[in-house]
Amino acid sequence: MIETKPARRRAPKFELIGGNVCLDFINTLDDRPSAQPKDLLKNYYELARFGEDTGILTPAQLDFFFDNAHLMPDEAGDALRRAINLREAMYAIFSALMKKQTAPAVAMDTLNAYIRDAAQHSRLVQNRVQNKDVQREGRCEWRFDDLTSAFGAMLWPITRAAADLLASSDLAQVRACSSPTCQWLFLDTSKNHHRRWCNMKVCGNRAKVRKFYAKKKTA
């Protein structure tokens, strides 16, 4: 069931450190390795907020979902369940591949089903740029159907991003945060590809503090 419509929050809600929207989406389950992981998508409104924070949804599209989710709780609730299902399938796949293991067949089947659904709502279109000197002139890009046409429409770009990443050479740069209590996923675009932490100011500093006190205790 969907809760009573909450007040809007304009400030960003999600910490987007993944470097790819599908990795940021996987990271909406915080403290995943712990006994009590924290789900950042507890209701449909939070899913819609993720859409706005990542640029998938415009503010006007977010307004549409905020205005209508409580009117159609079954549809919104089903979209949230599908979102969680997609998130966990993607995590299982990326987690396995980072460990040089075979991705679970069930997770691959699940993701492929979402990919087929996204493909039915996308098309390749040519960019039209007025300035002919612009290098993008003539290039094509994927465009999706109206994202307000379904409560789960924001999953289409996320699914497409996951498919593109899994099929690209950038897959080798997907990392998990070295903090044993975090392990958020991110795309390592650092110069030497030696990035260890999802956020140096958070997990990196915590590790430094633990190391400092461990040395002090030993001394």
N, C-alpha and C. Protein backbone atom coordinates (compact mmCIF):
# COMPACT_ATOMS: atom_id res chain seq x y z
N MET A 1 0.83 -1.20 0.00
CA MET A 1 0.00 0.00 0.00
C MET A 1 0.88 1.26 0.00
N ILE A 2 0.35 2.33 -0.63
CA ILE A 2 1.08 3.59 -0.70
C ILE A 2 0.61 4.51 0.42
N GLU A 3 1.57 5.12 1.10
CA GLU A 3 1.24 5.98 2.20
C GLU A 3 0.58 7.27 1.71
N THR A 4 0.04 8.04 2.67
CA THR A 4 -0.51 9.35 2.33
C THR A 4 0.58 10.20 1.70
N LYS A 5 0.20 10.94 0.70
CA LYS A 5 1.16 11.74 -0.05
C LYS A 5 1.96 12.66 0.86
N PRO A 6 3.31 12.52 0.86
CA PRO A 6 4.14 13.36 1.73
C PRO A 6 4.43 14.71 1.09
N ALA A 7 5.03 15.60 1.86
CA ALA A 7 5.42 16.90 1.33
C ALA A 7 6.61 16.72 0.39
N ARG A 8 6.68 17.56 -0.63
CA ARG A 8 7.79 17.52 -1.58
C ARG A 8 9.08 17.96 -0.90
N ARG A 9 10.20 17.35 -1.35
CA ARG A 9 11.52 17.77 -0.93
C ARG A 9 12.32 18.06 -2.18
N ARG A 10 12.82 19.25 -2.30
CA ARG A 10 13.58 19.62 -3.49
C ARG A 10 15.06 19.26 -3.37
N ALA A 11 15.59 19.25 -2.15
CA ALA A 11 17.00 18.94 -1.99
C ALA A 11 17.26 17.49 -2.43
N PRO A 12 18.42 17.20 -3.03
CA PRO A 12 18.73 15.83 -3.46
C PRO A 12 18.62 14.87 -2.30
N LYS A 13 18.05 13.73 -2.56
CA LYS A 13 17.84 12.73 -1.52
C LYS A 13 18.90 11.62 -1.57
N PHE A 14 19.39 11.33 -2.76
CA PHE A 14 20.29 10.20 -2.95
C PHE A 14 21.72 10.65 -3.22
N GLU A 15 22.66 9.87 -2.70
CA GLU A 15 24.08 10.13 -2.94
C GLU A 15 24.48 9.33 -4.18
N LEU A 16 24.73 10.03 -5.26
CA LEU A 16 24.98 9.39 -6.56
C LEU A 16 26.47 9.34 -6.83
N ILE A 17 27.10 8.24 -6.45
CA ILE A 17 28.55 8.11 -6.61
C ILE A 17 28.91 7.00 -7.59
N GLY A 18 27.90 6.34 -8.16
CA GLY A 18 28.15 5.14 -8.95
C GLY A 18 28.82 5.38 -10.29
N GLY A 19 28.62 6.57 -10.87
CA GLY A 19 29.16 6.83 -12.20
C GLY A 19 28.31 6.25 -13.31
N ASN A 20 27.26 5.55 -12.94
CA ASN A 20 26.31 4.99 -13.89
C ASN A 20 24.99 4.84 -13.14
N VAL A 21 23.88 5.21 -13.79
CA VAL A 21 22.61 5.22 -13.08
C VAL A 21 22.20 3.84 -12.59
N CYS A 22 22.60 2.77 -13.29
CA CYS A 22 22.23 1.43 -12.82
C CYS A 22 22.97 1.07 -11.54
N LEU A 23 24.22 1.54 -11.41
CA LEU A 23 24.97 1.28 -10.17
C LEU A 23 24.42 2.11 -9.02
N ASP A 24 24.04 3.36 -9.31
CA ASP A 24 23.40 4.18 -8.27
C ASP A 24 22.09 3.53 -7.82
N PHE A 25 21.39 2.91 -8.74
CA PHE A 25 20.13 2.26 -8.39
C PHE A 25 20.39 1.05 -7.50
N ILE A 26 21.40 0.27 -7.80
CA ILE A 26 21.77 -0.86 -6.95
C ILE A 26 22.11 -0.37 -5.54
N ASN A 27 22.73 0.80 -5.46
CA ASN A 27 23.14 1.35 -4.16
C ASN A 27 21.99 1.88 -3.32
N THR A 28 20.76 1.78 -3.82
CA THR A 28 19.63 2.23 -3.00
C THR A 28 19.30 1.24 -1.88
N LEU A 29 20.03 0.13 -1.83
CA LEU A 29 19.99 -0.72 -0.63
C LEU A 29 21.30 -0.46 0.11
N ASP A 30 21.22 0.30 1.18
CA ASP A 30 22.41 0.72 1.92
C ASP A 30 22.76 -0.33 2.97
N ASP A 31 24.04 -0.35 3.35
CA ASP A 31 24.53 -1.31 4.35
C ASP A 31 24.14 -2.74 3.95
N ARG A 32 24.25 -3.03 2.67
CA ARG A 32 23.83 -4.34 2.14
C ARG A 32 24.48 -5.52 2.87
N PRO A 33 25.78 -5.47 3.21
CA PRO A 33 26.40 -6.64 3.84
C PRO A 33 25.99 -6.85 5.30
N SER A 34 25.35 -5.87 5.91
CA SER A 34 25.04 -5.96 7.33
C SER A 34 23.82 -6.83 7.58
N ALA A 35 23.58 -7.12 8.84
CA ALA A 35 22.41 -7.92 9.22
C ALA A 35 21.12 -7.13 9.06
N GLN A 36 21.23 -5.81 9.01
CA GLN A 36 20.05 -4.95 8.88
C GLN A 36 20.28 -3.91 7.78
N PRO A 37 20.25 -4.33 6.52
CA PRO A 37 20.43 -3.37 5.43
C PRO A 37 19.30 -2.34 5.42
N LYS A 38 19.61 -1.16 4.93
CA LYS A 38 18.64 -0.05 4.91
C LYS A 38 18.17 0.19 3.48
N ASP A 39 16.88 -0.05 3.25
CA ASP A 39 16.33 0.17 1.92
C ASP A 39 15.95 1.64 1.77
N LEU A 40 16.54 2.30 0.79
CA LEU A 40 16.27 3.71 0.55
C LEU A 40 15.04 3.91 -0.33
N LEU A 41 14.46 2.80 -0.79
CA LEU A 41 13.23 2.85 -1.60
C LEU A 41 12.10 2.20 -0.81
N LYS A 42 11.70 2.84 0.26
CA LYS A 42 10.67 2.25 1.12
C LYS A 42 9.27 2.46 0.57
N ASN A 43 9.10 3.39 -0.34
CA ASN A 43 7.79 3.62 -0.95
C ASN A 43 7.97 4.17 -2.35
N TYR A 44 6.86 4.32 -3.06
CA TYR A 44 6.95 4.75 -4.45
C TYR A 44 7.48 6.17 -4.57
N TYR A 45 7.16 7.02 -3.61
CA TYR A 45 7.61 8.41 -3.68
C TYR A 45 9.14 8.48 -3.68
N GLU A 46 9.79 7.59 -2.94
CA GLU A 46 11.25 7.58 -2.92
C GLU A 46 11.80 7.08 -4.25
N LEU A 47 11.10 6.15 -4.88
CA LEU A 47 11.51 5.70 -6.20
C LEU A 47 11.42 6.86 -7.19
N ALA A 48 10.33 7.62 -7.13
CA ALA A 48 10.17 8.78 -8.01
C ALA A 48 11.25 9.83 -7.75
N ARG A 49 11.59 10.03 -6.46
CA ARG A 49 12.66 10.97 -6.12
C ARG A 49 13.99 10.54 -6.71
N PHE A 50 14.24 9.23 -6.72
CA PHE A 50 15.47 8.75 -7.35
C PHE A 50 15.45 9.12 -8.83
N GLY A 51 14.30 9.00 -9.45
CA GLY A 51 14.19 9.38 -10.86
C GLY A 51 14.53 10.83 -11.10
N GLU A 52 14.08 11.72 -10.22
CA GLU A 52 14.40 13.14 -10.39
C GLU A 52 15.87 13.42 -10.07
N ASP A 53 16.37 12.85 -8.98
CA ASP A 53 17.76 13.10 -8.59
C ASP A 53 18.74 12.70 -9.68
N THR A 54 18.43 11.63 -10.40
CA THR A 54 19.33 11.12 -11.44
C THR A 54 19.09 11.77 -12.79
N GLY A 55 18.06 12.60 -12.90
CA GLY A 55 17.77 13.25 -14.17
C GLY A 55 16.90 12.43 -15.10
N ILE A 56 16.46 11.27 -14.66
CA ILE A 56 15.57 10.46 -15.49
C ILE A 56 14.23 11.16 -15.63
N LEU A 57 13.73 11.70 -14.53
CA LEU A 57 12.45 12.41 -14.53
C LEU A 57 12.68 13.91 -14.42
N THR A 58 11.90 14.67 -15.14
CA THR A 58 11.92 16.12 -15.00
C THR A 58 11.10 16.48 -13.76
N PRO A 59 11.26 17.69 -13.23
CA PRO A 59 10.42 18.10 -12.09
C PRO A 59 8.93 17.98 -12.40
N ALA A 60 8.53 18.29 -13.64
CA ALA A 60 7.12 18.19 -14.01
C ALA A 60 6.65 16.74 -13.98
N GLN A 61 7.51 15.83 -14.43
CA GLN A 61 7.14 14.41 -14.40
C GLN A 61 7.07 13.90 -12.97
N LEU A 62 7.98 14.38 -12.12
CA LEU A 62 7.91 14.01 -10.71
C LEU A 62 6.62 14.49 -10.09
N ASP A 63 6.22 15.72 -10.41
CA ASP A 63 4.96 16.26 -9.91
C ASP A 63 3.79 15.36 -10.31
N PHE A 64 3.84 14.87 -11.54
CA PHE A 64 2.76 14.00 -12.02
C PHE A 64 2.64 12.75 -11.15
N PHE A 65 3.78 12.12 -10.88
CA PHE A 65 3.74 10.89 -10.08
C PHE A 65 3.37 11.17 -8.62
N PHE A 66 3.85 12.29 -8.08
CA PHE A 66 3.48 12.64 -6.71
C PHE A 66 1.99 12.92 -6.59
N ASP A 67 1.43 13.48 -7.64
CA ASP A 67 0.00 13.81 -7.62
C ASP A 67 -0.89 12.60 -7.86
N ASN A 68 -0.35 11.55 -8.47
CA ASN A 68 -1.19 10.43 -8.88
C ASN A 68 -0.91 9.10 -8.17
N ALA A 69 0.25 8.97 -7.54
CA ALA A 69 0.60 7.69 -6.91
C ALA A 69 -0.39 7.29 -5.83
N HIS A 70 -0.83 8.27 -5.02
CA HIS A 70 -1.76 7.94 -3.94
C HIS A 70 -3.16 7.66 -4.46
N LEU A 71 -3.44 8.07 -5.71
CA LEU A 71 -4.74 7.81 -6.31
C LEU A 71 -4.82 6.42 -6.93
N MET A 72 -3.65 5.87 -7.29
CA MET A 72 -3.57 4.54 -7.89
C MET A 72 -2.53 3.70 -7.15
N PRO A 73 -2.81 3.38 -5.88
CA PRO A 73 -1.81 2.71 -5.05
C PRO A 73 -1.41 1.33 -5.55
N ASP A 74 -2.30 0.60 -6.18
CA ASP A 74 -1.96 -0.73 -6.67
C ASP A 74 -0.92 -0.65 -7.79
N GLU A 75 -1.13 0.28 -8.73
CA GLU A 75 -0.18 0.44 -9.82
C GLU A 75 1.18 0.94 -9.32
N ALA A 76 1.15 1.89 -8.39
CA ALA A 76 2.40 2.42 -7.84
C ALA A 76 3.13 1.35 -7.03
N GLY A 77 2.36 0.59 -6.24
CA GLY A 77 2.98 -0.47 -5.45
C GLY A 77 3.60 -1.54 -6.31
N ASP A 78 2.93 -1.90 -7.41
CA ASP A 78 3.48 -2.90 -8.33
C ASP A 78 4.76 -2.39 -8.98
N ALA A 79 4.80 -1.11 -9.33
CA ALA A 79 6.01 -0.52 -9.91
C ALA A 79 7.17 -0.57 -8.93
N LEU A 80 6.89 -0.31 -7.65
CA LEU A 80 7.94 -0.37 -6.64
C LEU A 80 8.46 -1.79 -6.49
N ARG A 81 7.57 -2.77 -6.48
CA ARG A 81 8.01 -4.17 -6.37
C ARG A 81 8.87 -4.57 -7.58
N ARG A 82 8.48 -4.12 -8.75
CA ARG A 82 9.26 -4.42 -9.95
C ARG A 82 10.62 -3.75 -9.89
N ALA A 83 10.66 -2.55 -9.33
CA ALA A 83 11.93 -1.84 -9.20
C ALA A 83 12.89 -2.59 -8.28
N ILE A 84 12.39 -3.07 -7.16
CA ILE A 84 13.22 -3.84 -6.23
C ILE A 84 13.69 -5.13 -6.88
N ASN A 85 12.82 -5.78 -7.62
CA ASN A 85 13.16 -7.01 -8.31
C ASN A 85 14.29 -6.77 -9.32
N LEU A 86 14.19 -5.67 -10.06
CA LEU A 86 15.24 -5.32 -11.02
C LEU A 86 16.54 -5.01 -10.30
N ARG A 87 16.47 -4.24 -9.23
CA ARG A 87 17.67 -3.87 -8.48
C ARG A 87 18.43 -5.09 -7.99
N GLU A 88 17.72 -6.05 -7.41
CA GLU A 88 18.39 -7.22 -6.85
C GLU A 88 18.93 -8.13 -7.94
N ALA A 89 18.25 -8.20 -9.08
CA ALA A 89 18.78 -8.98 -10.20
C ALA A 89 20.07 -8.37 -10.71
N MET A 90 20.10 -7.05 -10.85
CA MET A 90 21.32 -6.38 -11.31
C MET A 90 22.45 -6.56 -10.32
N TYR A 91 22.14 -6.46 -9.03
CA TYR A 91 23.20 -6.65 -8.03
C TYR A 91 23.79 -8.05 -8.13
N ALA A 92 22.94 -9.06 -8.26
CA ALA A 92 23.41 -10.44 -8.35
C ALA A 92 24.33 -10.62 -9.55
N ILE A 93 23.99 -9.98 -10.66
CA ILE A 93 24.80 -10.11 -11.87
C ILE A 93 26.14 -9.39 -11.72
N PHE A 94 26.11 -8.13 -11.34
CA PHE A 94 27.36 -7.38 -11.21
C PHE A 94 28.25 -7.98 -10.12
N SER A 95 27.65 -8.41 -9.02
CA SER A 95 28.42 -9.00 -7.94
C SER A 95 29.16 -10.25 -8.41
N ALA A 96 28.47 -11.08 -9.16
CA ALA A 96 29.09 -12.31 -9.66
C ALA A 96 30.21 -12.01 -10.65
N LEU A 97 29.96 -11.08 -11.56
CA LEU A 97 30.97 -10.78 -12.58
C LEU A 97 32.21 -10.13 -11.98
N MET A 98 32.04 -9.32 -10.93
CA MET A 98 33.20 -8.73 -10.27
C MET A 98 34.07 -9.80 -9.63
N LYS A 99 33.44 -10.91 -9.24
CA LYS A 99 34.17 -12.02 -8.63
C LYS A 99 34.62 -13.05 -9.66
N LYS A 100 34.48 -12.71 -10.94
CA LYS A 100 34.86 -13.61 -12.04
C LYS A 100 34.04 -14.90 -12.01
N GLN A 101 32.81 -14.78 -11.57
CA GLN A 101 31.91 -15.93 -11.51
C GLN A 101 30.83 -15.80 -12.58
N THR A 102 30.14 -16.90 -12.82
CA THR A 102 29.04 -16.89 -13.76
C THR A 102 27.83 -16.23 -13.11
N ALA A 103 27.21 -15.33 -13.82
CA ALA A 103 26.03 -14.65 -13.28
C ALA A 103 24.89 -15.65 -13.11
N PRO A 104 24.13 -15.55 -12.03
CA PRO A 104 23.01 -16.47 -11.80
C PRO A 104 22.02 -16.43 -12.97
N ALA A 105 21.62 -17.59 -13.43
CA ALA A 105 20.72 -17.69 -14.57
C ALA A 105 19.39 -16.99 -14.30
N VAL A 106 18.88 -17.13 -13.08
CA VAL A 106 17.59 -16.49 -12.74
C VAL A 106 17.71 -14.98 -12.83
N ALA A 107 18.82 -14.43 -12.35
CA ALA A 107 19.01 -12.98 -12.42
C ALA A 107 19.14 -12.52 -13.86
N MET A 108 19.85 -13.28 -14.68
CA MET A 108 19.99 -12.92 -16.09
C MET A 108 18.64 -12.97 -16.80
N ASP A 109 17.85 -13.98 -16.50
CA ASP A 109 16.51 -14.08 -17.11
C ASP A 109 15.65 -12.88 -16.70
N THR A 110 15.76 -12.50 -15.42
CA THR A 110 14.99 -11.36 -14.94
C THR A 110 15.40 -10.08 -15.65
N LEU A 111 16.70 -9.84 -15.73
CA LEU A 111 17.17 -8.62 -16.39
C LEU A 111 16.78 -8.62 -17.86
N ASN A 112 16.90 -9.75 -18.52
CA ASN A 112 16.53 -9.81 -19.93
C ASN A 112 15.06 -9.51 -20.16
N ALA A 113 14.22 -9.91 -19.21
CA ALA A 113 12.79 -9.59 -19.32
C ALA A 113 12.58 -8.08 -19.24
N TYR A 114 13.32 -7.41 -18.34
CA TYR A 114 13.22 -5.96 -18.23
C TYR A 114 13.80 -5.28 -19.47
N ILE A 115 14.85 -5.85 -20.03
CA ILE A 115 15.45 -5.30 -21.24
C ILE A 115 14.46 -5.36 -22.40
N ARG A 116 13.77 -6.48 -22.52
CA ARG A 116 12.77 -6.60 -23.59
C ARG A 116 11.65 -5.57 -23.41
N ASP A 117 11.24 -5.37 -22.16
CA ASP A 117 10.18 -4.40 -21.89
C ASP A 117 10.65 -2.99 -22.24
N ALA A 118 11.89 -2.65 -21.85
CA ALA A 118 12.42 -1.32 -22.15
C ALA A 118 12.55 -1.11 -23.65
N ALA A 119 12.92 -2.16 -24.37
CA ALA A 119 13.10 -2.06 -25.82
C ALA A 119 11.77 -1.75 -26.52
N GLN A 120 10.69 -2.24 -25.96
CA GLN A 120 9.38 -1.98 -26.55
C GLN A 120 8.96 -0.52 -26.40
N HIS A 121 9.63 0.18 -25.50
CA HIS A 121 9.27 1.58 -25.23
C HIS A 121 10.40 2.55 -25.60
N SER A 122 11.28 2.12 -26.47
CA SER A 122 12.40 2.98 -26.88
C SER A 122 12.56 2.94 -28.39
N ARG A 123 13.18 3.97 -28.89
CA ARG A 123 13.44 4.03 -30.33
C ARG A 123 14.70 4.84 -30.58
N LEU A 124 15.34 4.60 -31.70
CA LEU A 124 16.55 5.32 -32.07
C LEU A 124 16.15 6.51 -32.94
N VAL A 125 16.58 7.70 -32.54
CA VAL A 125 16.24 8.91 -33.29
C VAL A 125 17.51 9.69 -33.60
N GLN A 126 17.46 10.46 -34.68
CA GLN A 126 18.60 11.28 -35.07
C GLN A 126 18.51 12.64 -34.43
N ASN A 127 19.64 13.10 -33.90
CA ASN A 127 19.69 14.44 -33.32
C ASN A 127 19.59 15.48 -34.41
N ARG A 128 18.91 16.54 -34.13
CA ARG A 128 18.81 17.66 -35.05
C ARG A 128 19.42 18.89 -34.40
N VAL A 129 20.58 19.32 -34.87
CA VAL A 129 21.29 20.46 -34.30
C VAL A 129 21.32 21.57 -35.33
N GLN A 130 20.96 22.79 -34.92
CA GLN A 130 20.90 23.91 -35.84
C GLN A 130 22.28 24.27 -36.40
N ASN A 131 23.28 24.28 -35.52
CA ASN A 131 24.63 24.63 -35.94
C ASN A 131 25.30 23.43 -36.60
N LYS A 132 25.59 23.52 -37.87
CA LYS A 132 26.16 22.39 -38.60
C LYS A 132 27.59 22.08 -38.19
N ASP A 133 28.23 23.03 -37.48
CA ASP A 133 29.60 22.80 -37.03
C ASP A 133 29.67 21.91 -35.79
N VAL A 134 28.53 21.73 -35.14
CA VAL A 134 28.50 20.90 -33.93
C VAL A 134 28.73 19.45 -34.32
N GLN A 135 29.65 18.78 -33.64
CA GLN A 135 30.02 17.41 -33.99
C GLN A 135 28.88 16.42 -33.81
N ARG A 136 27.90 16.75 -32.96
CA ARG A 136 26.81 15.82 -32.71
C ARG A 136 25.82 15.76 -33.87
N GLU A 137 25.95 16.68 -34.83
CA GLU A 137 25.02 16.71 -35.96
C GLU A 137 24.99 15.34 -36.65
N GLY A 138 23.79 14.81 -36.78
CA GLY A 138 23.62 13.55 -37.48
C GLY A 138 23.71 12.32 -36.60
N ARG A 139 24.22 12.47 -35.38
CA ARG A 139 24.32 11.31 -34.49
C ARG A 139 22.94 10.88 -34.03
N CYS A 140 22.85 9.62 -33.62
CA CYS A 140 21.58 9.09 -33.14
C CYS A 140 21.66 8.79 -31.65
N GLU A 141 20.50 8.73 -31.03
CA GLU A 141 20.46 8.40 -29.61
C GLU A 141 19.15 7.67 -29.31
N TRP A 142 19.14 6.97 -28.17
CA TRP A 142 17.93 6.27 -27.75
C TRP A 142 16.99 7.25 -27.06
N ARG A 143 15.74 7.17 -27.39
CA ARG A 143 14.71 7.96 -26.71
C ARG A 143 13.61 7.02 -26.26
N PHE A 144 13.05 7.33 -25.11
CA PHE A 144 12.00 6.48 -24.53
C PHE A 144 10.64 7.13 -24.70
N ASP A 145 9.63 6.30 -24.63
CA ASP A 145 8.26 6.81 -24.66
C ASP A 145 8.04 7.72 -23.45
N ASP A 146 6.93 8.41 -23.45
CA ASP A 146 6.57 9.31 -22.34
C ASP A 146 6.72 8.58 -21.01
N LEU A 147 7.58 9.10 -20.15
CA LEU A 147 7.85 8.44 -18.88
C LEU A 147 6.72 8.57 -17.87
N THR A 148 5.70 9.35 -18.21
CA THR A 148 4.52 9.41 -17.34
C THR A 148 3.44 8.44 -17.81
N SER A 149 3.75 7.62 -18.81
CA SER A 149 2.76 6.69 -19.34
C SER A 149 2.58 5.47 -18.45
N ALA A 150 3.52 5.23 -17.53
CA ALA A 150 3.42 4.09 -16.63
C ALA A 150 4.21 4.40 -15.37
N PHE A 151 3.77 3.88 -14.23
CA PHE A 151 4.46 4.15 -12.97
C PHE A 151 5.86 3.56 -12.95
N GLY A 152 6.08 2.51 -13.72
CA GLY A 152 7.40 1.89 -13.75
C GLY A 152 8.24 2.33 -14.93
N ALA A 153 7.82 3.38 -15.64
CA ALA A 153 8.54 3.81 -16.85
C ALA A 153 9.96 4.25 -16.57
N MET A 154 10.22 4.78 -15.37
CA MET A 154 11.57 5.24 -15.07
C MET A 154 12.57 4.09 -15.01
N LEU A 155 12.07 2.86 -14.98
CA LEU A 155 12.96 1.70 -14.99
C LEU A 155 13.55 1.45 -16.37
N TRP A 156 12.93 1.98 -17.42
CA TRP A 156 13.44 1.73 -18.77
C TRP A 156 14.85 2.27 -18.96
N PRO A 157 15.13 3.55 -18.63
CA PRO A 157 16.50 4.04 -18.79
C PRO A 157 17.50 3.31 -17.88
N ILE A 158 17.07 2.93 -16.69
CA ILE A 158 17.96 2.21 -15.78
C ILE A 158 18.34 0.85 -16.37
N THR A 159 17.34 0.17 -16.90
CA THR A 159 17.58 -1.13 -17.52
C THR A 159 18.50 -1.00 -18.72
N ARG A 160 18.26 0.00 -19.55
CA ARG A 160 19.10 0.23 -20.72
C ARG A 160 20.54 0.50 -20.31
N ALA A 161 20.73 1.29 -19.25
CA ALA A 161 22.07 1.61 -18.77
C ALA A 161 22.79 0.35 -18.30
N ALA A 162 22.06 -0.53 -17.62
CA ALA A 162 22.67 -1.78 -17.16
C ALA A 162 23.07 -2.66 -18.33
N ALA A 163 22.21 -2.77 -19.32
CA ALA A 163 22.51 -3.59 -20.50
C ALA A 163 23.74 -3.05 -21.22
N ASP A 164 23.79 -1.73 -21.41
CA ASP A 164 24.93 -1.12 -22.11
C ASP A 164 26.23 -1.33 -21.33
N LEU A 165 26.19 -1.17 -20.01
CA LEU A 165 27.39 -1.34 -19.20
C LEU A 165 27.86 -2.78 -19.21
N LEU A 166 26.95 -3.71 -19.08
CA LEU A 166 27.32 -5.13 -19.06
C LEU A 166 27.91 -5.59 -20.39
N ALA A 167 27.57 -4.90 -21.46
CA ALA A 167 28.06 -5.29 -22.79
C ALA A 167 29.26 -4.45 -23.24
N SER A 168 29.76 -3.59 -22.34
CA SER A 168 30.86 -2.70 -22.72
C SER A 168 32.16 -3.07 -22.01
N SER A 169 33.25 -2.48 -22.48
CA SER A 169 34.55 -2.71 -21.85
C SER A 169 34.63 -2.05 -20.47
N ASP A 170 33.73 -1.10 -20.19
CA ASP A 170 33.72 -0.43 -18.89
C ASP A 170 33.33 -1.39 -17.76
N LEU A 171 32.77 -2.53 -18.10
CA LEU A 171 32.39 -3.50 -17.07
C LEU A 171 33.58 -3.86 -16.19
N ALA A 172 34.78 -3.90 -16.78
CA ALA A 172 35.99 -4.26 -16.03
C ALA A 172 36.33 -3.22 -14.97
N GLN A 173 35.73 -2.02 -15.06
CA GLN A 173 36.03 -0.96 -14.10
C GLN A 173 34.99 -0.84 -13.00
N VAL A 174 34.04 -1.76 -12.95
CA VAL A 174 33.05 -1.74 -11.87
C VAL A 174 33.70 -2.28 -10.60
N ARG A 175 33.59 -1.53 -9.53
CA ARG A 175 34.22 -1.89 -8.26
C ARG A 175 33.17 -1.87 -7.14
N ALA A 176 33.52 -2.50 -6.03
CA ALA A 176 32.72 -2.42 -4.81
C ALA A 176 33.55 -1.69 -3.77
N CYS A 177 32.92 -0.82 -3.00
CA CYS A 177 33.61 -0.09 -1.95
C CYS A 177 34.32 -1.08 -1.02
N SER A 178 35.54 -0.74 -0.64
CA SER A 178 36.34 -1.64 0.20
C SER A 178 35.85 -1.75 1.63
N SER A 179 34.97 -0.84 2.03
CA SER A 179 34.43 -0.93 3.39
C SER A 179 33.54 -2.16 3.51
N PRO A 180 33.84 -3.05 4.45
CA PRO A 180 33.05 -4.28 4.59
C PRO A 180 31.60 -4.04 4.98
N THR A 181 31.29 -2.86 5.50
CA THR A 181 29.91 -2.56 5.88
C THR A 181 29.18 -1.74 4.82
N CYS A 182 29.86 -1.43 3.74
CA CYS A 182 29.25 -0.61 2.68
C CYS A 182 29.12 -1.41 1.39
N GLN A 183 30.24 -1.51 0.67
CA GLN A 183 30.30 -2.24 -0.60
C GLN A 183 29.35 -1.70 -1.66
N TRP A 184 29.13 -0.39 -1.65
CA TRP A 184 28.42 0.24 -2.76
C TRP A 184 29.22 0.01 -4.04
N LEU A 185 28.54 -0.06 -5.15
CA LEU A 185 29.19 -0.26 -6.44
C LEU A 185 29.45 1.08 -7.11
N PHE A 186 30.54 1.15 -7.86
CA PHE A 186 30.85 2.37 -8.59
C PHE A 186 31.72 2.03 -9.80
N LEU A 187 31.74 2.94 -10.75
CA LEU A 187 32.58 2.81 -11.93
C LEU A 187 33.89 3.54 -11.67
N ASP A 188 34.98 2.82 -11.66
CA ASP A 188 36.28 3.40 -11.32
C ASP A 188 36.87 4.09 -12.55
N THR A 189 36.73 5.40 -12.59
CA THR A 189 37.28 6.18 -13.70
C THR A 189 38.55 6.92 -13.30
N SER A 190 39.13 6.55 -12.16
CA SER A 190 40.37 7.19 -11.71
C SER A 190 41.50 6.87 -12.69
N LYS A 191 42.53 7.70 -12.68
CA LYS A 191 43.62 7.59 -13.64
C LYS A 191 44.27 6.21 -13.63
N ASN A 192 44.56 5.69 -12.44
CA ASN A 192 45.23 4.39 -12.33
C ASN A 192 44.28 3.24 -12.02
N HIS A 193 43.00 3.54 -11.95
CA HIS A 193 41.97 2.53 -11.65
C HIS A 193 42.25 1.81 -10.33
N HIS A 194 42.66 2.61 -9.33
CA HIS A 194 42.95 2.06 -8.01
C HIS A 194 42.01 2.62 -6.95
N ARG A 195 40.88 3.14 -7.35
CA ARG A 195 39.93 3.69 -6.39
C ARG A 195 39.38 2.57 -5.50
N ARG A 196 39.36 2.82 -4.19
CA ARG A 196 38.94 1.80 -3.23
C ARG A 196 37.61 2.10 -2.56
N TRP A 197 37.28 3.38 -2.47
CA TRP A 197 36.13 3.77 -1.65
C TRP A 197 35.03 4.38 -2.50
N CYS A 198 33.78 4.16 -2.07
CA CYS A 198 32.66 4.80 -2.77
C CYS A 198 32.77 6.30 -2.61
N ASN A 199 33.17 6.74 -1.42
CA ASN A 199 33.32 8.16 -1.12
C ASN A 199 34.46 8.31 -0.13
N MET A 200 35.53 8.96 -0.56
CA MET A 200 36.70 9.10 0.30
C MET A 200 36.38 9.87 1.57
N LYS A 201 35.43 10.81 1.50
CA LYS A 201 35.09 11.61 2.68
C LYS A 201 34.30 10.82 3.71
N VAL A 202 33.71 9.70 3.29
CA VAL A 202 32.90 8.90 4.21
C VAL A 202 33.63 7.61 4.54
N CYS A 203 33.54 6.63 3.66
CA CYS A 203 34.16 5.33 3.95
C CYS A 203 35.67 5.41 4.01
N GLY A 204 36.28 6.24 3.16
CA GLY A 204 37.74 6.38 3.18
C GLY A 204 38.23 6.94 4.49
N ASN A 205 37.58 7.99 4.97
CA ASN A 205 37.98 8.60 6.24
C ASN A 205 37.73 7.67 7.43
N ARG A 206 36.63 6.93 7.39
CA ARG A 206 36.36 5.98 8.46
C ARG A 206 37.46 4.93 8.54
N ALA A 207 37.93 4.46 7.39
CA ALA A 207 39.00 3.47 7.37
C ALA A 207 40.29 4.06 7.93
N LYS A 208 40.56 5.32 7.59
CA LYS A 208 41.76 5.98 8.10
C LYS A 208 41.71 6.11 9.62
N VAL A 209 40.53 6.46 10.13
CA VAL A 209 40.37 6.61 11.58
C VAL A 209 40.57 5.27 12.28
N ARG A 210 39.96 4.22 11.74
CA ARG A 210 40.13 2.89 12.34
C ARG A 210 41.59 2.46 12.32
N LYS A 211 42.27 2.73 11.24
CA LYS A 211 43.68 2.36 11.13
C LYS A 211 44.53 3.14 12.12
N PHE A 212 44.21 4.42 12.29
CA PHE A 212 44.95 5.26 13.23
C PHE A 212 44.82 4.75 14.66
N TYR A 213 43.57 4.45 15.07
CA TYR A 213 43.37 3.99 16.44
C TYR A 213 43.91 2.57 16.67
N ALA A 214 43.91 1.79 15.61
CA ALA A 214 44.47 0.43 15.73
C ALA A 214 45.99 0.52 15.97
N LYS A 215 46.64 1.42 15.25
CA LYS A 215 48.09 1.61 15.44
C LYS A 215 48.38 2.18 16.82
N LYS A 216 47.54 3.13 17.25
CA LYS A 216 47.72 3.76 18.57
C LYS A 216 47.56 2.74 19.67
N LYS A 217 46.58 1.85 19.51
CA LYS A 217 46.33 0.82 20.52
C LYS A 217 47.50 -0.15 20.59
N THR A 218 48.02 -0.52 19.42
CA THR A 218 49.16 -1.45 19.37
C THR A 218 50.41 -0.82 20.01
N ALA A 219 50.61 0.48 19.73
CA ALA A 219 51.77 1.18 20.30
C ALA A 219 51.65 1.29 21.82
